[in-house]
């Protein structure tokens, strides 16, 4: 396990950057012109970003970006 210390300003900056990146991915996932192979890798990147986001963000903020499972168990990204 690795750890690092960051101050409150850096936490806010990390939260902002991760949120913007996740918003961009969510926007691109709704684009029908992007192929499914590319979207799959975008979903993987989203999972990684979301796990980082959970570390720095409040639980109420995390709920906004949490993927929701559909009836078949597949993750839907808002």
PDB file of N, CA and C in Angstrom:
ATOM      1  N   UNK A   1       0.846  -1.178   0.000  1.00  0.00           N
ATOM      2  CA  UNK A   1       0.000   0.000   0.000  1.00  0.00           C
ATOM      3  C   UNK A   1       0.889   1.237   0.000  1.00  0.00           C
ATOM      4  N   UNK A   2       0.478   2.208  -0.764  1.00  0.00           N
ATOM      5  CA  UNK A   2       1.213   3.471  -0.825  1.00  0.00           C
ATOM      6  C   UNK A   2       0.288   4.587  -0.395  1.00  0.00           C
ATOM      7  N   UNK A   3       0.871   5.602   0.184  1.00  0.00           N
ATOM      8  CA  UNK A   3       0.073   6.744   0.634  1.00  0.00           C
ATOM      9  C   UNK A   3       0.847   8.019   0.327  1.00  0.00           C
ATOM     10  N   UNK A   4       0.101   9.104   0.218  1.00  0.00           N
ATOM     11  CA  UNK A   4       0.741  10.398   0.047  1.00  0.00           C
ATOM     12  C   UNK A   4      -0.116  11.449   0.733  1.00  0.00           C
ATOM     13  N   UNK A   5       0.536  12.491   1.163  1.00  0.00           N
ATOM     14  CA  UNK A   5      -0.152  13.565   1.868  1.00  0.00           C
ATOM     15  C   UNK A   5      -0.402  14.714   0.913  1.00  0.00           C
ATOM     16  N   UNK A   6      -1.627  15.201   0.931  1.00  0.00           N
ATOM     17  CA  UNK A   6      -1.966  16.372   0.136  1.00  0.00           C
ATOM     18  C   UNK A   6      -2.808  17.306   0.997  1.00  0.00           C
ATOM     19  N   UNK A   7      -2.708  18.567   0.709  1.00  0.00           N
ATOM     20  CA  UNK A   7      -3.482  19.531   1.493  1.00  0.00           C
ATOM     21  C   UNK A   7      -4.884  19.696   0.910  1.00  0.00           C
ATOM     22  N   UNK A   8      -5.710  20.480   1.581  1.00  0.00           N
ATOM     23  CA  UNK A   8      -7.114  20.622   1.188  1.00  0.00           C
ATOM     24  C   UNK A   8      -7.269  21.229  -0.206  1.00  0.00           C
ATOM     25  N   UNK A   9      -6.410  22.150  -0.552  1.00  0.00           N
ATOM     26  CA  UNK A   9      -6.478  22.766  -1.885  1.00  0.00           C
ATOM     27  C   UNK A   9      -6.186  21.742  -2.972  1.00  0.00           C
ATOM     28  N   UNK A  10      -5.205  20.892  -2.734  1.00  0.00           N
ATOM     29  CA  UNK A  10      -4.863  19.860  -3.704  1.00  0.00           C
ATOM     30  C   UNK A  10      -5.981  18.824  -3.827  1.00  0.00           C
ATOM     31  N   UNK A  11      -6.663  18.536  -2.729  1.00  0.00           N
ATOM     32  CA  UNK A  11      -7.809  17.628  -2.776  1.00  0.00           C
ATOM     33  C   UNK A  11      -8.894  18.216  -3.668  1.00  0.00           C
ATOM     34  N   UNK A  12      -9.162  19.502  -3.498  1.00  0.00           N
ATOM     35  CA  UNK A  12     -10.178  20.162  -4.328  1.00  0.00           C
ATOM     36  C   UNK A  12      -9.784  20.146  -5.800  1.00  0.00           C
ATOM     37  N   UNK A  13      -8.508  20.360  -6.085  1.00  0.00           N
ATOM     38  CA  UNK A  13      -8.033  20.334  -7.464  1.00  0.00           C
ATOM     39  C   UNK A  13      -8.163  18.938  -8.068  1.00  0.00           C
ATOM     40  N   UNK A  14      -7.800  17.917  -7.298  1.00  0.00           N
ATOM     41  CA  UNK A  14      -7.924  16.542  -7.788  1.00  0.00           C
ATOM     42  C   UNK A  14      -9.386  16.196  -8.046  1.00  0.00           C
ATOM     43  N   UNK A  15     -10.244  16.592  -7.117  1.00  0.00           N
ATOM     44  CA  UNK A  15     -11.671  16.330  -7.278  1.00  0.00           C
ATOM     45  C   UNK A  15     -12.203  17.001  -8.544  1.00  0.00           C
ATOM     46  N   UNK A  16     -11.808  18.237  -8.757  1.00  0.00           N
ATOM     47  CA  UNK A  16     -12.250  18.970  -9.948  1.00  0.00           C
ATOM     48  C   UNK A  16     -11.781  18.282 -11.221  1.00  0.00           C
ATOM     49  N   UNK A  17     -10.514  17.910 -11.283  1.00  0.00           N
ATOM     50  CA  UNK A  17      -9.963  17.279 -12.488  1.00  0.00           C
ATOM     51  C   UNK A  17     -10.619  15.929 -12.778  1.00  0.00           C
ATOM     52  N   UNK A  18     -10.818  15.137 -11.738  1.00  0.00           N
ATOM     53  CA  UNK A  18     -11.436  13.836 -11.936  1.00  0.00           C
ATOM     54  C   UNK A  18     -12.888  13.992 -12.382  1.00  0.00           C
ATOM     55  N   UNK A  19     -13.607  14.936 -11.779  1.00  0.00           N
ATOM     56  CA  UNK A  19     -15.000  15.167 -12.172  1.00  0.00           C
ATOM     57  C   UNK A  19     -15.102  15.591 -13.629  1.00  0.00           C
ATOM     58  N   UNK A  20     -14.228  16.483 -14.067  1.00  0.00           N
ATOM     59  CA  UNK A  20     -14.266  16.937 -15.458  1.00  0.00           C
ATOM     60  C   UNK A  20     -13.988  15.781 -16.404  1.00  0.00           C
ATOM     61  N   UNK A  21     -13.023  14.944 -16.060  1.00  0.00           N
ATOM     62  CA  UNK A  21     -12.695  13.809 -16.920  1.00  0.00           C
ATOM     63  C   UNK A  21     -13.866  12.823 -16.980  1.00  0.00           C
ATOM     64  N   UNK A  22     -14.489  12.555 -15.842  1.00  0.00           N
ATOM     65  CA  UNK A  22     -15.630  11.643 -15.830  1.00  0.00           C
ATOM     66  C   UNK A  22     -16.809  12.234 -16.600  1.00  0.00           C
ATOM     67  N   UNK A  23     -17.035  13.541 -16.483  1.00  0.00           N
ATOM     68  CA  UNK A  23     -18.104  14.182 -17.249  1.00  0.00           C
ATOM     69  C   UNK A  23     -17.849  14.053 -18.751  1.00  0.00           C
ATOM     70  N   UNK A  24     -16.607  14.206 -19.145  1.00  0.00           N
ATOM     71  CA  UNK A  24     -16.257  14.081 -20.562  1.00  0.00           C
ATOM     72  C   UNK A  24     -16.504  12.657 -21.061  1.00  0.00           C
ATOM     73  N   UNK A  25     -16.155  11.675 -20.243  1.00  0.00           N
ATOM     74  CA  UNK A  25     -16.391  10.281 -20.629  1.00  0.00           C
ATOM     75  C   UNK A  25     -17.886  10.009 -20.738  1.00  0.00           C
ATOM     76  N   UNK A  26     -18.660  10.487 -19.771  1.00  0.00           N
ATOM     77  CA  UNK A  26     -20.111  10.291 -19.820  1.00  0.00           C
ATOM     78  C   UNK A  26     -20.715  10.923 -21.068  1.00  0.00           C
ATOM     79  N   UNK A  27     -20.224  12.080 -21.433  1.00  0.00           N
ATOM     80  CA  UNK A  27     -20.698  12.740 -22.645  1.00  0.00           C
ATOM     81  C   UNK A  27     -20.363  11.907 -23.878  1.00  0.00           C
ATOM     82  N   UNK A  28     -19.135  11.413 -23.944  1.00  0.00           N
ATOM     83  CA  UNK A  28     -18.706  10.624 -25.100  1.00  0.00           C
ATOM     84  C   UNK A  28     -19.409   9.271 -25.174  1.00  0.00           C
ATOM     85  N   UNK A  29     -19.758   8.695 -24.038  1.00  0.00           N
ATOM     86  CA  UNK A  29     -20.461   7.403 -24.057  1.00  0.00           C
ATOM     87  C   UNK A  29     -21.832   7.512 -24.697  1.00  0.00           C
ATOM     88  N   UNK A  30     -22.426   8.683 -24.667  1.00  0.00           N
ATOM     89  CA  UNK A  30     -23.737   8.857 -25.284  1.00  0.00           C
ATOM     90  C   UNK A  30     -23.652   9.110 -26.790  1.00  0.00           C
ATOM     91  N   UNK A  31     -22.443   9.295 -27.313  1.00  0.00           N
ATOM     92  CA  UNK A  31     -22.249   9.543 -28.742  1.00  0.00           C
ATOM     93  C   UNK A  31     -22.342   8.228 -29.507  1.00  0.00           C
ATOM     94  N   UNK A  32     -23.282   8.134 -30.406  1.00  0.00           N
ATOM     95  CA  UNK A  32     -23.500   6.907 -31.166  1.00  0.00           C
ATOM     96  C   UNK A  32     -22.441   6.669 -32.236  1.00  0.00           C
ATOM     97  N   UNK A  33     -21.670   7.672 -32.572  1.00  0.00           N
ATOM     98  CA  UNK A  33     -20.649   7.511 -33.607  1.00  0.00           C
ATOM     99  C   UNK A  33     -19.419   6.777 -33.102  1.00  0.00           C
ATOM    100  N   UNK A  34     -19.260   6.683 -31.790  1.00  0.00           N
ATOM    101  CA  UNK A  34     -18.095   6.010 -31.210  1.00  0.00           C
ATOM    102  C   UNK A  34     -18.368   4.510 -31.153  1.00  0.00           C
ATOM    103  N   UNK A  35     -17.390   3.722 -31.591  1.00  0.00           N
ATOM    104  CA  UNK A  35     -17.552   2.270 -31.647  1.00  0.00           C
ATOM    105  C   UNK A  35     -17.545   1.655 -30.252  1.00  0.00           C
ATOM    106  N   UNK A  36     -18.158   0.470 -30.151  1.00  0.00           N
ATOM    107  CA  UNK A  36     -18.287  -0.202 -28.865  1.00  0.00           C
ATOM    108  C   UNK A  36     -16.945  -0.577 -28.245  1.00  0.00           C
ATOM    109  N   UNK A  37     -15.960  -0.903 -29.071  1.00  0.00           N
ATOM    110  CA  UNK A  37     -14.636  -1.248 -28.553  1.00  0.00           C
ATOM    111  C   UNK A  37     -14.037  -0.053 -27.810  1.00  0.00           C
ATOM    112  N   UNK A  38     -14.190   1.099 -28.378  1.00  0.00           N
ATOM    113  CA  UNK A  38     -13.674   2.317 -27.760  1.00  0.00           C
ATOM    114  C   UNK A  38     -14.464   2.643 -26.492  1.00  0.00           C
ATOM    115  N   UNK A  39     -15.763   2.452 -26.560  1.00  0.00           N
ATOM    116  CA  UNK A  39     -16.599   2.719 -25.387  1.00  0.00           C
ATOM    117  C   UNK A  39     -16.256   1.782 -24.230  1.00  0.00           C
ATOM    118  N   UNK A  40     -15.904   0.551 -24.539  1.00  0.00           N
ATOM    119  CA  UNK A  40     -15.519  -0.392 -23.495  1.00  0.00           C
ATOM    120  C   UNK A  40     -14.273   0.101 -22.756  1.00  0.00           C
ATOM    121  N   UNK A  41     -13.298   0.599 -23.491  1.00  0.00           N
ATOM    122  CA  UNK A  41     -12.095   1.113 -22.841  1.00  0.00           C
ATOM    123  C   UNK A  41     -12.396   2.409 -22.081  1.00  0.00           C
ATOM    124  N   UNK A  42     -13.350   3.178 -22.577  1.00  0.00           N
ATOM    125  CA  UNK A  42     -13.761   4.383 -21.855  1.00  0.00           C
ATOM    126  C   UNK A  42     -14.429   4.020 -20.537  1.00  0.00           C
ATOM    127  N   UNK A  43     -15.216   2.947 -20.515  1.00  0.00           N
ATOM    128  CA  UNK A  43     -15.853   2.487 -19.275  1.00  0.00           C
ATOM    129  C   UNK A  43     -14.799   2.014 -18.274  1.00  0.00           C
ATOM    130  N   UNK A  44     -13.765   1.341 -18.764  1.00  0.00           N
ATOM    131  CA  UNK A  44     -12.679   0.901 -17.877  1.00  0.00           C
ATOM    132  C   UNK A  44     -11.967   2.105 -17.270  1.00  0.00           C
ATOM    133  N   UNK A  45     -11.723   3.106 -18.083  1.00  0.00           N
ATOM    134  CA  UNK A  45     -11.089   4.330 -17.576  1.00  0.00           C
ATOM    135  C   UNK A  45     -11.992   5.004 -16.551  1.00  0.00           C
ATOM    136  N   UNK A  46     -13.296   4.996 -16.809  1.00  0.00           N
ATOM    137  CA  UNK A  46     -14.254   5.587 -15.876  1.00  0.00           C
ATOM    138  C   UNK A  46     -14.201   4.876 -14.524  1.00  0.00           C
ATOM    139  N   UNK A  47     -14.106   3.540 -14.545  1.00  0.00           N
ATOM    140  CA  UNK A  47     -14.018   2.783 -13.296  1.00  0.00           C
ATOM    141  C   UNK A  47     -12.798   3.190 -12.484  1.00  0.00           C
ATOM    142  N   UNK A  48     -11.678   3.354 -13.152  1.00  0.00           N
ATOM    143  CA  UNK A  48     -10.448   3.753 -12.471  1.00  0.00           C
ATOM    144  C   UNK A  48     -10.597   5.154 -11.894  1.00  0.00           C
ATOM    145  N   UNK A  49     -11.115   6.065 -12.693  1.00  0.00           N
ATOM    146  CA  UNK A  49     -11.308   7.431 -12.218  1.00  0.00           C
ATOM    147  C   UNK A  49     -12.285   7.487 -11.049  1.00  0.00           C
ATOM    148  N   UNK A  50     -13.340   6.688 -11.124  1.00  0.00           N
ATOM    149  CA  UNK A  50     -14.323   6.691 -10.047  1.00  0.00           C
ATOM    150  C   UNK A  50     -13.718   6.163  -8.751  1.00  0.00           C
ATOM    151  N   UNK A  51     -12.871   5.163  -8.840  1.00  0.00           N
ATOM    152  CA  UNK A  51     -12.233   4.653  -7.620  1.00  0.00           C
ATOM    153  C   UNK A  51     -11.314   5.708  -7.000  1.00  0.00           C
ATOM    154  N   UNK A  52     -10.641   6.495  -7.828  1.00  0.00           N
ATOM    155  CA  UNK A  52      -9.840   7.604  -7.306  1.00  0.00           C
ATOM    156  C   UNK A  52     -10.724   8.706  -6.725  1.00  0.00           C
ATOM    157  N   UNK A  53     -11.835   8.946  -7.385  1.00  0.00           N
ATOM    158  CA  UNK A  53     -12.765   9.987  -6.952  1.00  0.00           C
ATOM    159  C   UNK A  53     -13.349   9.662  -5.581  1.00  0.00           C
ATOM    160  N   UNK A  54     -13.630   8.390  -5.340  1.00  0.00           N
ATOM    161  CA  UNK A  54     -14.185   7.989  -4.043  1.00  0.00           C
ATOM    162  C   UNK A  54     -13.239   8.305  -2.895  1.00  0.00           C
ATOM    163  N   UNK A  55     -11.941   8.331  -3.167  1.00  0.00           N
ATOM    164  CA  UNK A  55     -10.958   8.618  -2.126  1.00  0.00           C
ATOM    165  C   UNK A  55     -11.006  10.080  -1.705  1.00  0.00           C
ATOM    166  N   UNK A  56     -11.200  10.983  -2.654  1.00  0.00           N
ATOM    167  CA  UNK A  56     -11.097  12.412  -2.352  1.00  0.00           C
ATOM    168  C   UNK A  56     -12.431  13.120  -2.194  1.00  0.00           C
ATOM    169  N   UNK A  57     -13.524  12.523  -2.658  1.00  0.00           N
ATOM    170  CA  UNK A  57     -14.806  13.227  -2.672  1.00  0.00           C
ATOM    171  C   UNK A  57     -15.706  12.788  -1.517  1.00  0.00           C
ATOM    172  N   UNK A  58     -16.673  13.634  -1.233  1.00  0.00           N
ATOM    173  CA  UNK A  58     -17.691  13.314  -0.238  1.00  0.00           C
ATOM    174  C   UNK A  58     -18.629  12.247  -0.800  1.00  0.00           C
ATOM    175  N   UNK A  59     -19.207  11.424   0.068  1.00  0.00           N
ATOM    176  CA  UNK A  59     -20.136  10.384  -0.413  1.00  0.00           C
ATOM    177  C   UNK A  59     -21.303  10.941  -1.226  1.00  0.00           C
ATOM    178  N   UNK A  60     -21.783  12.109  -0.862  1.00  0.00           N
ATOM    179  CA  UNK A  60     -22.900  12.691  -1.620  1.00  0.00           C
ATOM    180  C   UNK A  60     -22.487  13.032  -3.049  1.00  0.00           C
ATOM    181  N   UNK A  61     -21.251  13.443  -3.247  1.00  0.00           N
ATOM    182  CA  UNK A  61     -20.743  13.720  -4.596  1.00  0.00           C
ATOM    183  C   UNK A  61     -20.541  12.420  -5.369  1.00  0.00           C
ATOM    184  N   UNK A  62     -20.110  11.382  -4.676  1.00  0.00           N
ATOM    185  CA  UNK A  62     -19.878  10.092  -5.335  1.00  0.00           C
ATOM    186  C   UNK A  62     -21.169   9.512  -5.892  1.00  0.00           C
ATOM    187  N   UNK A  63     -22.265   9.736  -5.200  1.00  0.00           N
ATOM    188  CA  UNK A  63     -23.545   9.194  -5.648  1.00  0.00           C
ATOM    189  C   UNK A  63     -23.919   9.714  -7.037  1.00  0.00           C
ATOM    190  N   UNK A  64     -23.537  10.931  -7.326  1.00  0.00           N
ATOM    191  CA  UNK A  64     -23.857  11.535  -8.626  1.00  0.00           C
ATOM    192  C   UNK A  64     -23.167  10.815  -9.783  1.00  0.00           C
ATOM    193  N   UNK A  65     -21.981  10.293  -9.530  1.00  0.00           N
ATOM    194  CA  UNK A  65     -21.184   9.674 -10.592  1.00  0.00           C
ATOM    195  C   UNK A  65     -21.200   8.148 -10.538  1.00  0.00           C
ATOM    196  N   UNK A  66     -21.945   7.571  -9.603  1.00  0.00           N
ATOM    197  CA  UNK A  66     -21.965   6.121  -9.447  1.00  0.00           C
ATOM    198  C   UNK A  66     -22.742   5.469 -10.587  1.00  0.00           C
ATOM    199  N   UNK A  67     -22.137   4.470 -11.237  1.00  0.00           N
ATOM    200  CA  UNK A  67     -22.853   3.752 -12.298  1.00  0.00           C
ATOM    201  C   UNK A  67     -24.031   2.989 -11.711  1.00  0.00           C
ATOM    202  N   UNK A  68     -25.104   2.870 -12.474  1.00  0.00           N
ATOM    203  CA  UNK A  68     -26.313   2.183 -12.042  1.00  0.00           C
ATOM    204  C   UNK A  68     -26.468   0.922 -12.890  1.00  0.00           C
ATOM    205  N   UNK A  69     -26.791  -0.194 -12.243  1.00  0.00           N
ATOM    206  CA  UNK A  69     -26.977  -1.449 -12.968  1.00  0.00           C
ATOM    207  C   UNK A  69     -28.390  -1.519 -13.534  1.00  0.00           C
ATOM    208  N   UNK A  70     -28.506  -2.002 -14.773  1.00  0.00           N
ATOM    209  CA  UNK A  70     -29.839  -2.197 -15.347  1.00  0.00           C
ATOM    210  C   UNK A  70     -30.371  -3.571 -14.931  1.00  0.00           C
ATOM    211  N   UNK A  71     -31.491  -3.992 -15.486  1.00  0.00           N
ATOM    212  CA  UNK A  71     -32.126  -5.250 -15.081  1.00  0.00           C
ATOM    213  C   UNK A  71     -31.275  -6.469 -15.412  1.00  0.00           C
ATOM    214  N   UNK A  72     -30.436  -6.363 -16.404  1.00  0.00           N
ATOM    215  CA  UNK A  72     -29.571  -7.487 -16.788  1.00  0.00           C
ATOM    216  C   UNK A  72     -28.265  -7.499 -16.002  1.00  0.00           C
ATOM    217  N   UNK A  73     -28.071  -6.519 -15.132  1.00  0.00           N
ATOM    218  CA  UNK A  73     -26.850  -6.459 -14.340  1.00  0.00           C
ATOM    219  C   UNK A  73     -25.724  -5.677 -14.978  1.00  0.00           C
ATOM    220  N   UNK A  74     -25.988  -5.133 -16.173  1.00  0.00           N
ATOM    221  CA  UNK A  74     -24.958  -4.335 -16.843  1.00  0.00           C
ATOM    222  C   UNK A  74     -24.957  -2.932 -16.257  1.00  0.00           C
ATOM    223  N   UNK A  75     -23.779  -2.341 -16.166  1.00  0.00           N
ATOM    224  CA  UNK A  75     -23.634  -0.992 -15.618  1.00  0.00           C
ATOM    225  C   UNK A  75     -24.062   0.031 -16.648  1.00  0.00           C
ATOM    226  N   UNK A  76     -24.882   0.971 -16.200  1.00  0.00           N
ATOM    227  CA  UNK A  76     -25.266   2.106 -17.041  1.00  0.00           C
ATOM    228  C   UNK A  76     -24.593   3.327 -16.449  1.00  0.00           C
ATOM    229  N   UNK A  77     -24.048   4.141 -17.298  1.00  0.00           N
ATOM    230  CA  UNK A  77     -23.383   5.367 -16.864  1.00  0.00           C
ATOM    231  C   UNK A  77     -24.282   6.525 -17.208  1.00  0.00           C
ATOM    232  N   UNK A  78     -24.582   7.325 -16.213  1.00  0.00           N
ATOM    233  CA  UNK A  78     -25.548   8.416 -16.372  1.00  0.00           C
ATOM    234  C   UNK A  78     -25.169   9.312 -17.476  1.00  0.00           C
TER     235      UNK A  78
END
